[in-house]
Amino acid sequence: MDDRQDYLVKLQSQKDVWQAQLAQLQVQADTQDEPNRNAYYEMIDNLQKLLGDFDNKFDELKKSVENDSWKDVKKEMEELLKATNDAFGTVTARFKSKFSE
């Protein structure tokens, strides 16, 4: 497997982790009282949108392997990967701090 395929496997693995985190956050949000629940649902919706953007860029990156635009798309993917990871970290931390109160 070449470096590009390794990178795609790494991204798929990260995407799987985020999807599992979303499922956990959804369960936690469902247990909250009404005002908190709505705020959590909004955060989850935002994460789902970001994950959708990630999915689209991931698909574009997979296609770029074939059409030789890998370098440009990979740079965009790195930026989106960081932003998505930061967002998941922030929301997960908020959920954890609320549940530890």
N, C-alpha and C. Protein backbone atom coordinates (compact mmCIF):
# COMPACT_ATOMS: atom_id res chain seq x y z
N MET A 1 0.85 -1.18 0.00
CA MET A 1 0.00 0.00 0.00
C MET A 1 0.90 1.24 0.00
N ASP A 2 0.59 2.21 -0.85
CA ASP A 2 1.43 3.41 -0.89
C ASP A 2 0.98 4.42 0.17
N ASP A 3 1.71 5.52 0.24
CA ASP A 3 1.43 6.54 1.26
C ASP A 3 0.03 7.12 1.13
N ARG A 4 -0.43 7.27 -0.09
CA ARG A 4 -1.77 7.82 -0.29
C ARG A 4 -2.84 6.89 0.27
N GLN A 5 -2.69 5.62 0.01
CA GLN A 5 -3.66 4.66 0.54
C GLN A 5 -3.59 4.59 2.07
N ASP A 6 -2.39 4.65 2.61
CA ASP A 6 -2.23 4.68 4.07
C ASP A 6 -2.96 5.87 4.67
N TYR A 7 -2.80 7.01 4.02
CA TYR A 7 -3.44 8.24 4.49
C TYR A 7 -4.96 8.11 4.43
N LEU A 8 -5.48 7.56 3.35
CA LEU A 8 -6.92 7.37 3.22
C LEU A 8 -7.46 6.43 4.30
N VAL A 9 -6.71 5.39 4.60
CA VAL A 9 -7.11 4.45 5.67
C VAL A 9 -7.14 5.18 7.01
N LYS A 10 -6.14 6.01 7.26
CA LYS A 10 -6.08 6.80 8.50
C LYS A 10 -7.29 7.72 8.61
N LEU A 11 -7.64 8.38 7.52
CA LEU A 11 -8.79 9.28 7.52
C LEU A 11 -10.09 8.51 7.76
N GLN A 12 -10.23 7.37 7.14
CA GLN A 12 -11.43 6.55 7.34
C GLN A 12 -11.55 6.13 8.80
N SER A 13 -10.43 5.77 9.39
CA SER A 13 -10.42 5.38 10.80
C SER A 13 -10.86 6.55 11.68
N GLN A 14 -10.34 7.74 11.40
CA GLN A 14 -10.71 8.93 12.18
C GLN A 14 -12.20 9.22 12.01
N LYS A 15 -12.70 9.09 10.81
CA LYS A 15 -14.12 9.31 10.54
C LYS A 15 -14.97 8.34 11.35
N ASP A 16 -14.55 7.08 11.43
CA ASP A 16 -15.26 6.08 12.22
C ASP A 16 -15.29 6.46 13.70
N VAL A 17 -14.18 6.98 14.20
CA VAL A 17 -14.11 7.42 15.60
C VAL A 17 -15.11 8.55 15.84
N TRP A 18 -15.13 9.52 14.93
CA TRP A 18 -16.06 10.65 15.09
C TRP A 18 -17.51 10.19 15.04
N GLN A 19 -17.82 9.25 14.17
CA GLN A 19 -19.19 8.76 14.10
C GLN A 19 -19.59 8.06 15.40
N ALA A 20 -18.67 7.32 15.99
CA ALA A 20 -18.94 6.68 17.28
C ALA A 20 -19.12 7.74 18.37
N GLN A 21 -18.30 8.78 18.34
CA GLN A 21 -18.44 9.86 19.31
C GLN A 21 -19.79 10.55 19.16
N LEU A 22 -20.22 10.77 17.93
CA LEU A 22 -21.53 11.38 17.70
C LEU A 22 -22.64 10.54 18.32
N ALA A 23 -22.55 9.24 18.16
CA ALA A 23 -23.56 8.35 18.73
C ALA A 23 -23.58 8.46 20.25
N GLN A 24 -22.40 8.52 20.86
CA GLN A 24 -22.31 8.66 22.32
C GLN A 24 -22.87 10.01 22.77
N LEU A 25 -22.53 11.07 22.04
CA LEU A 25 -23.03 12.40 22.39
C LEU A 25 -24.55 12.45 22.27
N GLN A 26 -25.08 11.78 21.28
CA GLN A 26 -26.54 11.75 21.10
C GLN A 26 -27.21 11.09 22.30
N VAL A 27 -26.66 9.99 22.77
CA VAL A 27 -27.21 9.30 23.94
C VAL A 27 -27.14 10.21 25.16
N GLN A 28 -26.01 10.88 25.34
CA GLN A 28 -25.86 11.78 26.48
C GLN A 28 -26.85 12.95 26.38
N ALA A 29 -27.01 13.50 25.20
CA ALA A 29 -27.93 14.62 25.01
C ALA A 29 -29.36 14.21 25.31
N ASP A 30 -29.72 13.00 24.95
CA ASP A 30 -31.08 12.52 25.16
C ASP A 30 -31.45 12.45 26.64
N THR A 31 -30.45 12.38 27.52
CA THR A 31 -30.72 12.27 28.96
C THR A 31 -30.80 13.62 29.66
N GLN A 32 -30.56 14.69 28.95
CA GLN A 32 -30.55 16.03 29.55
C GLN A 32 -31.96 16.59 29.71
N ASP A 33 -32.07 17.58 30.62
CA ASP A 33 -33.35 18.28 30.72
C ASP A 33 -33.54 19.16 29.48
N GLU A 34 -34.73 19.68 29.31
CA GLU A 34 -35.12 20.33 28.05
C GLU A 34 -34.17 21.44 27.57
N PRO A 35 -33.83 22.45 28.37
CA PRO A 35 -32.97 23.52 27.84
C PRO A 35 -31.58 23.00 27.43
N ASN A 36 -31.00 22.17 28.27
CA ASN A 36 -29.68 21.62 27.95
C ASN A 36 -29.75 20.70 26.74
N ARG A 37 -30.79 19.91 26.67
CA ARG A 37 -30.93 18.96 25.57
C ARG A 37 -30.93 19.69 24.22
N ASN A 38 -31.68 20.78 24.14
CA ASN A 38 -31.73 21.53 22.88
C ASN A 38 -30.37 22.11 22.51
N ALA A 39 -29.63 22.60 23.50
CA ALA A 39 -28.29 23.13 23.24
C ALA A 39 -27.36 22.02 22.75
N TYR A 40 -27.46 20.86 23.36
CA TYR A 40 -26.63 19.73 22.94
C TYR A 40 -27.00 19.27 21.53
N TYR A 41 -28.30 19.23 21.26
CA TYR A 41 -28.73 18.84 19.91
C TYR A 41 -28.18 19.80 18.86
N GLU A 42 -28.15 21.08 19.20
CA GLU A 42 -27.60 22.07 18.26
C GLU A 42 -26.11 21.81 18.02
N MET A 43 -25.37 21.52 19.09
CA MET A 43 -23.94 21.21 18.93
C MET A 43 -23.76 19.95 18.08
N ILE A 44 -24.58 18.95 18.33
CA ILE A 44 -24.50 17.70 17.57
C ILE A 44 -24.82 17.95 16.10
N ASP A 45 -25.83 18.77 15.84
CA ASP A 45 -26.17 19.11 14.45
C ASP A 45 -24.99 19.78 13.75
N ASN A 46 -24.33 20.69 14.46
CA ASN A 46 -23.16 21.36 13.87
C ASN A 46 -22.04 20.37 13.58
N LEU A 47 -21.82 19.43 14.49
CA LEU A 47 -20.81 18.40 14.25
C LEU A 47 -21.18 17.52 13.06
N GLN A 48 -22.46 17.20 12.94
CA GLN A 48 -22.90 16.38 11.81
C GLN A 48 -22.67 17.11 10.48
N LYS A 49 -22.92 18.42 10.46
CA LYS A 49 -22.67 19.20 9.25
C LYS A 49 -21.18 19.20 8.92
N LEU A 50 -20.36 19.39 9.94
CA LEU A 50 -18.92 19.39 9.74
C LEU A 50 -18.45 18.02 9.25
N LEU A 51 -19.01 16.98 9.80
CA LEU A 51 -18.66 15.63 9.36
C LEU A 51 -19.11 15.40 7.92
N GLY A 52 -20.23 15.99 7.54
CA GLY A 52 -20.68 15.92 6.15
C GLY A 52 -19.69 16.60 5.22
N ASP A 53 -19.18 17.76 5.63
CA ASP A 53 -18.15 18.45 4.85
C ASP A 53 -16.90 17.58 4.73
N PHE A 54 -16.55 16.94 5.84
CA PHE A 54 -15.40 16.05 5.86
C PHE A 54 -15.61 14.90 4.88
N ASP A 55 -16.80 14.31 4.91
CA ASP A 55 -17.11 13.21 3.99
C ASP A 55 -16.95 13.63 2.53
N ASN A 56 -17.46 14.82 2.21
CA ASN A 56 -17.36 15.32 0.84
C ASN A 56 -15.91 15.51 0.42
N LYS A 57 -15.11 16.10 1.31
CA LYS A 57 -13.69 16.32 1.00
C LYS A 57 -12.96 14.99 0.92
N PHE A 58 -13.33 14.05 1.77
CA PHE A 58 -12.73 12.72 1.75
C PHE A 58 -12.98 12.04 0.41
N ASP A 59 -14.22 12.14 -0.08
CA ASP A 59 -14.54 11.58 -1.39
C ASP A 59 -13.74 12.26 -2.49
N GLU A 60 -13.61 13.58 -2.39
CA GLU A 60 -12.82 14.32 -3.38
C GLU A 60 -11.36 13.88 -3.34
N LEU A 61 -10.85 13.65 -2.14
CA LEU A 61 -9.46 13.22 -2.00
C LEU A 61 -9.26 11.84 -2.62
N LYS A 62 -10.21 10.93 -2.39
CA LYS A 62 -10.10 9.59 -2.99
C LYS A 62 -10.07 9.69 -4.51
N LYS A 63 -10.89 10.56 -5.08
CA LYS A 63 -10.91 10.74 -6.53
C LYS A 63 -9.64 11.40 -7.04
N SER A 64 -9.03 12.26 -6.22
CA SER A 64 -7.83 12.99 -6.64
C SER A 64 -6.64 12.06 -6.85
N VAL A 65 -6.68 10.88 -6.25
CA VAL A 65 -5.61 9.90 -6.46
C VAL A 65 -5.55 9.55 -7.94
N GLU A 66 -6.71 9.48 -8.56
CA GLU A 66 -6.78 9.10 -9.97
C GLU A 66 -6.49 10.26 -10.91
N ASN A 67 -6.88 11.48 -10.56
CA ASN A 67 -6.73 12.59 -11.50
C ASN A 67 -5.55 13.51 -11.19
N ASP A 68 -4.67 13.08 -10.33
CA ASP A 68 -3.40 13.76 -10.07
C ASP A 68 -3.52 15.14 -9.43
N SER A 69 -4.57 15.38 -8.67
CA SER A 69 -4.68 16.63 -7.93
C SER A 69 -4.54 16.39 -6.43
N TRP A 70 -3.91 15.29 -6.08
CA TRP A 70 -3.77 14.85 -4.69
C TRP A 70 -3.20 15.93 -3.78
N LYS A 71 -2.13 16.57 -4.19
CA LYS A 71 -1.42 17.51 -3.32
C LYS A 71 -2.32 18.66 -2.87
N ASP A 72 -3.05 19.26 -3.81
CA ASP A 72 -3.93 20.38 -3.47
C ASP A 72 -5.08 19.93 -2.57
N VAL A 73 -5.69 18.84 -2.92
CA VAL A 73 -6.83 18.35 -2.14
C VAL A 73 -6.37 17.89 -0.76
N LYS A 74 -5.19 17.30 -0.68
CA LYS A 74 -4.69 16.84 0.62
C LYS A 74 -4.48 18.02 1.56
N LYS A 75 -3.99 19.13 1.03
CA LYS A 75 -3.79 20.32 1.87
C LYS A 75 -5.13 20.80 2.43
N GLU A 76 -6.14 20.86 1.58
CA GLU A 76 -7.48 21.25 2.04
C GLU A 76 -8.00 20.25 3.08
N MET A 77 -7.71 18.97 2.85
CA MET A 77 -8.17 17.93 3.77
C MET A 77 -7.50 18.08 5.13
N GLU A 78 -6.23 18.41 5.14
CA GLU A 78 -5.51 18.60 6.41
C GLU A 78 -6.15 19.73 7.23
N GLU A 79 -6.52 20.82 6.55
CA GLU A 79 -7.15 21.94 7.25
C GLU A 79 -8.51 21.52 7.81
N LEU A 80 -9.28 20.81 7.01
CA LEU A 80 -10.59 20.35 7.46
C LEU A 80 -10.46 19.30 8.56
N LEU A 81 -9.48 18.45 8.47
CA LEU A 81 -9.22 17.44 9.50
C LEU A 81 -8.95 18.11 10.85
N LYS A 82 -8.11 19.14 10.83
CA LYS A 82 -7.79 19.86 12.07
C LYS A 82 -9.04 20.55 12.63
N ALA A 83 -9.78 21.23 11.77
CA ALA A 83 -10.98 21.93 12.23
C ALA A 83 -12.02 20.97 12.80
N THR A 84 -12.21 19.84 12.15
CA THR A 84 -13.18 18.85 12.61
C THR A 84 -12.73 18.24 13.93
N ASN A 85 -11.46 17.91 14.02
CA ASN A 85 -10.92 17.34 15.25
C ASN A 85 -11.06 18.33 16.41
N ASP A 86 -10.74 19.60 16.16
CA ASP A 86 -10.88 20.63 17.19
C ASP A 86 -12.34 20.76 17.65
N ALA A 87 -13.26 20.75 16.69
CA ALA A 87 -14.68 20.88 17.03
C ALA A 87 -15.16 19.70 17.87
N PHE A 88 -14.78 18.49 17.49
CA PHE A 88 -15.17 17.32 18.27
C PHE A 88 -14.56 17.39 19.67
N GLY A 89 -13.32 17.83 19.77
CA GLY A 89 -12.68 17.95 21.08
C GLY A 89 -13.39 18.95 21.97
N THR A 90 -13.77 20.08 21.40
CA THR A 90 -14.46 21.12 22.16
C THR A 90 -15.82 20.64 22.65
N VAL A 91 -16.60 20.07 21.76
CA VAL A 91 -17.95 19.61 22.14
C VAL A 91 -17.87 18.46 23.14
N THR A 92 -16.96 17.53 22.91
CA THR A 92 -16.81 16.41 23.84
C THR A 92 -16.42 16.92 25.23
N ALA A 93 -15.53 17.90 25.28
CA ALA A 93 -15.12 18.47 26.57
C ALA A 93 -16.31 19.14 27.26
N ARG A 94 -17.13 19.84 26.49
CA ARG A 94 -18.32 20.48 27.08
C ARG A 94 -19.27 19.44 27.65
N PHE A 95 -19.48 18.38 26.92
CA PHE A 95 -20.36 17.32 27.41
C PHE A 95 -19.79 16.71 28.69
N LYS A 96 -18.49 16.43 28.69
CA LYS A 96 -17.88 15.81 29.87
C LYS A 96 -17.98 16.73 31.08
N SER A 97 -17.75 18.03 30.89
CA SER A 97 -17.80 18.95 32.03
C SER A 97 -19.22 19.06 32.57
N LYS A 98 -20.22 19.01 31.70
CA LYS A 98 -21.61 19.08 32.16
C LYS A 98 -22.00 17.82 32.92
N PHE A 99 -21.50 16.68 32.48
CA PHE A 99 -21.87 15.43 33.14
C PHE A 99 -21.09 15.19 34.42
N SER A 100 -20.02 15.94 34.63
CA SER A 100 -19.25 15.75 35.86
C SER A 100 -19.74 16.69 36.96
N GLU A 101 -20.69 17.55 36.63
CA GLU A 101 -21.22 18.48 37.65
C GLU A 101 -22.15 17.78 38.60
